[in-house]
Amino acid sequence: MMILVWFVVCIIFFLVQIILGNSGHALEVFALLTAIALFLISKLKKKIRIRNE
């Protein structure tokens, strides 16, 4: 699961860097998108765990 999180964070960082570059808001957008992605991964993990039980 940690590898999935690492890949997602790297992809988000890459996309934000391409789109916003050195903009002052790049860090805020990166933090927001990462938080949303981690939340969704957490929900997915719980959903898979419930199905397996």
PDB file of N, CA and C in Angstrom:
ATOM      1  N   MET A   1       0.824  -1.191   0.000  1.00  0.00           N
ATOM      2  CA  MET A   1       0.000   0.000   0.000  1.00  0.00           C
ATOM      3  C   MET A   1       0.870   1.256   0.000  1.00  0.00           C
ATOM      4  N   MET A   2       2.018   1.194   0.665  1.00  0.00           N
ATOM      5  CA  MET A   2       2.897   2.362   0.719  1.00  0.00           C
ATOM      6  C   MET A   2       3.455   2.694  -0.671  1.00  0.00           C
ATOM      7  N   ILE A   3       3.678   1.666  -1.483  1.00  0.00           N
ATOM      8  CA  ILE A   3       4.176   1.911  -2.830  1.00  0.00           C
ATOM      9  C   ILE A   3       3.120   2.640  -3.652  1.00  0.00           C
ATOM     10  N   LEU A   4       1.857   2.263  -3.484  1.00  0.00           N
ATOM     11  CA  LEU A   4       0.762   2.954  -4.162  1.00  0.00           C
ATOM     12  C   LEU A   4       0.715   4.414  -3.749  1.00  0.00           C
ATOM     13  N   VAL A   5       0.812   4.684  -2.463  1.00  0.00           N
ATOM     14  CA  VAL A   5       0.796   6.060  -1.961  1.00  0.00           C
ATOM     15  C   VAL A   5       1.981   6.833  -2.538  1.00  0.00           C
ATOM     16  N   TRP A   6       3.149   6.213  -2.552  1.00  0.00           N
ATOM     17  CA  TRP A   6       4.345   6.886  -3.068  1.00  0.00           C
ATOM     18  C   TRP A   6       4.187   7.238  -4.543  1.00  0.00           C
ATOM     19  N   PHE A   7       3.667   6.300  -5.341  1.00  0.00           N
ATOM     20  CA  PHE A   7       3.448   6.564  -6.762  1.00  0.00           C
ATOM     21  C   PHE A   7       2.433   7.688  -6.971  1.00  0.00           C
ATOM     22  N   VAL A   8       1.353   7.660  -6.214  1.00  0.00           N
ATOM     23  CA  VAL A   8       0.324   8.691  -6.354  1.00  0.00           C
ATOM     24  C   VAL A   8       0.886  10.067  -6.021  1.00  0.00           C
ATOM     25  N   VAL A   9       1.642  10.166  -4.936  1.00  0.00           N
ATOM     26  CA  VAL A   9       2.227  11.453  -4.546  1.00  0.00           C
ATOM     27  C   VAL A   9       3.213  11.934  -5.603  1.00  0.00           C
ATOM     28  N   CYS A  10       4.015  11.049  -6.138  1.00  0.00           N
ATOM     29  CA  CYS A  10       4.972  11.435  -7.182  1.00  0.00           C
ATOM     30  C   CYS A  10       4.263  11.913  -8.449  1.00  0.00           C
ATOM     31  N   ILE A  11       3.204  11.236  -8.836  1.00  0.00           N
ATOM     32  CA  ILE A  11       2.455  11.637 -10.023  1.00  0.00           C
ATOM     33  C   ILE A  11       1.791  12.992  -9.808  1.00  0.00           C
ATOM     34  N   ILE A  12       1.203  13.197  -8.634  1.00  0.00           N
ATOM     35  CA  ILE A  12       0.582  14.488  -8.330  1.00  0.00           C
ATOM     36  C   ILE A  12       1.633  15.593  -8.355  1.00  0.00           C
ATOM     37  N   PHE A  13       2.794  15.343  -7.758  1.00  0.00           N
ATOM     38  CA  PHE A  13       3.856  16.350  -7.753  1.00  0.00           C
ATOM     39  C   PHE A  13       4.283  16.694  -9.175  1.00  0.00           C
ATOM     40  N   PHE A  14       4.451  15.672 -10.004  1.00  0.00           N
ATOM     41  CA  PHE A  14       4.857  15.876 -11.396  1.00  0.00           C
ATOM     42  C   PHE A  14       3.835  16.720 -12.155  1.00  0.00           C
ATOM     43  N   LEU A  15       2.555  16.392 -12.005  1.00  0.00           N
ATOM     44  CA  LEU A  15       1.509  17.126 -12.717  1.00  0.00           C
ATOM     45  C   LEU A  15       1.416  18.570 -12.246  1.00  0.00           C
ATOM     46  N   VAL A  16       1.488  18.788 -10.936  1.00  0.00           N
ATOM     47  CA  VAL A  16       1.431  20.157 -10.411  1.00  0.00           C
ATOM     48  C   VAL A  16       2.636  20.947 -10.887  1.00  0.00           C
ATOM     49  N   GLN A  17       3.795  20.328 -10.915  1.00  0.00           N
ATOM     50  CA  GLN A  17       5.009  21.018 -11.362  1.00  0.00           C
ATOM     51  C   GLN A  17       4.903  21.406 -12.833  1.00  0.00           C
ATOM     52  N   ILE A  18       4.325  20.536 -13.663  1.00  0.00           N
ATOM     53  CA  ILE A  18       4.164  20.848 -15.084  1.00  0.00           C
ATOM     54  C   ILE A  18       3.150  21.976 -15.274  1.00  0.00           C
ATOM     55  N   ILE A  19       2.015  21.875 -14.584  1.00  0.00           N
ATOM     56  CA  ILE A  19       0.939  22.836 -14.801  1.00  0.00           C
ATOM     57  C   ILE A  19       1.264  24.198 -14.188  1.00  0.00           C
ATOM     58  N   LEU A  20       1.708  24.229 -12.940  1.00  0.00           N
ATOM     59  CA  LEU A  20       1.908  25.496 -12.249  1.00  0.00           C
ATOM     60  C   LEU A  20       3.356  25.967 -12.231  1.00  0.00           C
ATOM     61  N   GLY A  21       4.291  25.073 -12.424  1.00  0.00           N
ATOM     62  CA  GLY A  21       5.700  25.457 -12.440  1.00  0.00           C
ATOM     63  C   GLY A  21       6.140  26.039 -11.104  1.00  0.00           C
ATOM     64  N   ASN A  22       6.740  27.213 -11.146  1.00  0.00           N
ATOM     65  CA  ASN A  22       7.234  27.860  -9.932  1.00  0.00           C
ATOM     66  C   ASN A  22       6.255  28.881  -9.382  1.00  0.00           C
ATOM     67  N   SER A  23       4.979  28.671  -9.646  1.00  0.00           N
ATOM     68  CA  SER A  23       3.957  29.569  -9.132  1.00  0.00           C
ATOM     69  C   SER A  23       3.943  29.523  -7.604  1.00  0.00           C
ATOM     70  N   GLY A  24       3.501  30.595  -7.005  1.00  0.00           N
ATOM     71  CA  GLY A  24       3.431  30.652  -5.548  1.00  0.00           C
ATOM     72  C   GLY A  24       2.388  29.729  -4.967  1.00  0.00           C
ATOM     73  N   HIS A  25       1.440  29.303  -5.780  1.00  0.00           N
ATOM     74  CA  HIS A  25       0.364  28.454  -5.281  1.00  0.00           C
ATOM     75  C   HIS A  25       0.595  26.975  -5.548  1.00  0.00           C
ATOM     76  N   ALA A  26       1.715  26.616  -6.131  1.00  0.00           N
ATOM     77  CA  ALA A  26       1.973  25.214  -6.471  1.00  0.00           C
ATOM     78  C   ALA A  26       2.008  24.334  -5.232  1.00  0.00           C
ATOM     79  N   LEU A  27       2.604  24.826  -4.164  1.00  0.00           N
ATOM     80  CA  LEU A  27       2.696  24.020  -2.944  1.00  0.00           C
ATOM     81  C   LEU A  27       1.320  23.791  -2.323  1.00  0.00           C
ATOM     82  N   GLU A  28       0.480  24.816  -2.323  1.00  0.00           N
ATOM     83  CA  GLU A  28      -0.870  24.665  -1.776  1.00  0.00           C
ATOM     84  C   GLU A  28      -1.703  23.686  -2.594  1.00  0.00           C
ATOM     85  N   VAL A  29      -1.605  23.772  -3.911  1.00  0.00           N
ATOM     86  CA  VAL A  29      -2.345  22.853  -4.779  1.00  0.00           C
ATOM     87  C   VAL A  29      -1.837  21.428  -4.591  1.00  0.00           C
ATOM     88  N   PHE A  30      -0.523  21.271  -4.508  1.00  0.00           N
ATOM     89  CA  PHE A  30       0.061  19.948  -4.275  1.00  0.00           C
ATOM     90  C   PHE A  30      -0.429  19.362  -2.949  1.00  0.00           C
ATOM     91  N   ALA A  31      -0.430  20.165  -1.884  1.00  0.00           N
ATOM     92  CA  ALA A  31      -0.878  19.687  -0.573  1.00  0.00           C
ATOM     93  C   ALA A  31      -2.354  19.301  -0.602  1.00  0.00           C
ATOM     94  N   LEU A  32      -3.177  20.101  -1.252  1.00  0.00           N
ATOM     95  CA  LEU A  32      -4.607  19.808  -1.326  1.00  0.00           C
ATOM     96  C   LEU A  32      -4.874  18.534  -2.120  1.00  0.00           C
ATOM     97  N   LEU A  33      -4.252  18.411  -3.280  1.00  0.00           N
ATOM     98  CA  LEU A  33      -4.462  17.215  -4.101  1.00  0.00           C
ATOM     99  C   LEU A  33      -3.932  15.955  -3.416  1.00  0.00           C
ATOM    100  N   THR A  34      -2.808  16.078  -2.717  1.00  0.00           N
ATOM    101  CA  THR A  34      -2.260  14.930  -2.001  1.00  0.00           C
ATOM    102  C   THR A  34      -3.183  14.506  -0.873  1.00  0.00           C
ATOM    103  N   ALA A  35      -3.729  15.465  -0.144  1.00  0.00           N
ATOM    104  CA  ALA A  35      -4.661  15.143   0.939  1.00  0.00           C
ATOM    105  C   ALA A  35      -5.902  14.441   0.406  1.00  0.00           C
ATOM    106  N   ILE A  36      -6.429  14.925  -0.706  1.00  0.00           N
ATOM    107  CA  ILE A  36      -7.609  14.290  -1.308  1.00  0.00           C
ATOM    108  C   ILE A  36      -7.271  12.874  -1.768  1.00  0.00           C
ATOM    109  N   ALA A  37      -6.125  12.700  -2.397  1.00  0.00           N
ATOM    110  CA  ALA A  37      -5.727  11.373  -2.876  1.00  0.00           C
ATOM    111  C   ALA A  37      -5.529  10.400  -1.716  1.00  0.00           C
ATOM    112  N   LEU A  38      -4.886  10.852  -0.639  1.00  0.00           N
ATOM    113  CA  LEU A  38      -4.683   9.974   0.519  1.00  0.00           C
ATOM    114  C   LEU A  38      -6.016   9.608   1.173  1.00  0.00           C
ATOM    115  N   PHE A  39      -6.944  10.551   1.210  1.00  0.00           N
ATOM    116  CA  PHE A  39      -8.274  10.268   1.743  1.00  0.00           C
ATOM    117  C   PHE A  39      -8.977   9.199   0.908  1.00  0.00           C
ATOM    118  N   LEU A  40      -8.901   9.340  -0.416  1.00  0.00           N
ATOM    119  CA  LEU A  40      -9.550   8.361  -1.292  1.00  0.00           C
ATOM    120  C   LEU A  40      -8.892   6.990  -1.206  1.00  0.00           C
ATOM    121  N   ILE A  41      -7.574   6.951  -1.080  1.00  0.00           N
ATOM    122  CA  ILE A  41      -6.876   5.677  -0.912  1.00  0.00           C
ATOM    123  C   ILE A  41      -7.293   5.019   0.407  1.00  0.00           C
ATOM    124  N   SER A  42      -7.439   5.816   1.441  1.00  0.00           N
ATOM    125  CA  SER A  42      -7.877   5.289   2.738  1.00  0.00           C
ATOM    126  C   SER A  42      -9.279   4.698   2.640  1.00  0.00           C
ATOM    127  N   LYS A  43     -10.185   5.417   1.955  1.00  0.00           N
ATOM    128  CA  LYS A  43     -11.549   4.912   1.776  1.00  0.00           C
ATOM    129  C   LYS A  43     -11.538   3.608   0.979  1.00  0.00           C
ATOM    130  N   LEU A  44     -10.722   3.558  -0.076  1.00  0.00           N
ATOM    131  CA  LEU A  44     -10.621   2.353  -0.896  1.00  0.00           C
ATOM    132  C   LEU A  44     -10.084   1.183  -0.086  1.00  0.00           C
ATOM    133  N   LYS A  45      -9.087   1.453   0.744  1.00  0.00           N
ATOM    134  CA  LYS A  45      -8.501   0.403   1.573  1.00  0.00           C
ATOM    135  C   LYS A  45      -9.531  -0.164   2.548  1.00  0.00           C
ATOM    136  N   LYS A  46     -10.333   0.710   3.163  1.00  0.00           N
ATOM    137  CA  LYS A  46     -11.371   0.254   4.088  1.00  0.00           C
ATOM    138  C   LYS A  46     -12.440  -0.542   3.360  1.00  0.00           C
ATOM    139  N   LYS A  47     -12.795  -0.099   2.143  1.00  0.00           N
ATOM    140  CA  LYS A  47     -13.812  -0.794   1.367  1.00  0.00           C
ATOM    141  C   LYS A  47     -13.346  -2.197   0.989  1.00  0.00           C
ATOM    142  N   ILE A  48     -12.090  -2.323   0.594  1.00  0.00           N
ATOM    143  CA  ILE A  48     -11.542  -3.633   0.242  1.00  0.00           C
ATOM    144  C   ILE A  48     -11.479  -4.523   1.467  1.00  0.00           C
ATOM    145  N   ARG A  49     -11.103  -3.954   2.626  1.00  0.00           N
ATOM    146  CA  ARG A  49     -11.010  -4.737   3.852  1.00  0.00           C
ATOM    147  C   ARG A  49     -12.390  -5.255   4.266  1.00  0.00           C
ATOM    148  N   ILE A  50     -13.446  -4.465   4.099  1.00  0.00           N
ATOM    149  CA  ILE A  50     -14.793  -4.895   4.464  1.00  0.00           C
ATOM    150  C   ILE A  50     -15.244  -6.020   3.552  1.00  0.00           C
ATOM    151  N   ARG A  51     -14.942  -5.940   2.251  1.00  0.00           N
ATOM    152  CA  ARG A  51     -15.324  -6.996   1.317  1.00  0.00           C
ATOM    153  C   ARG A  51     -14.658  -8.317   1.629  1.00  0.00           C
ATOM    154  N   ASN A  52     -13.426  -8.279   2.098  1.00  0.00           N
ATOM    155  CA  ASN A  52     -12.673  -9.505   2.362  1.00  0.00           C
ATOM    156  C   ASN A  52     -13.123 -10.202   3.640  1.00  0.00           C
ATOM    157  N   GLU A  53     -13.842  -9.509   4.472  1.00  0.00           N
ATOM    158  CA  GLU A  53     -14.274 -10.142   5.752  1.00  0.00           C
ATOM    159  C   GLU A  53     -15.573 -10.870   5.607  1.00  0.00           C
TER     160      GLU A  53
END
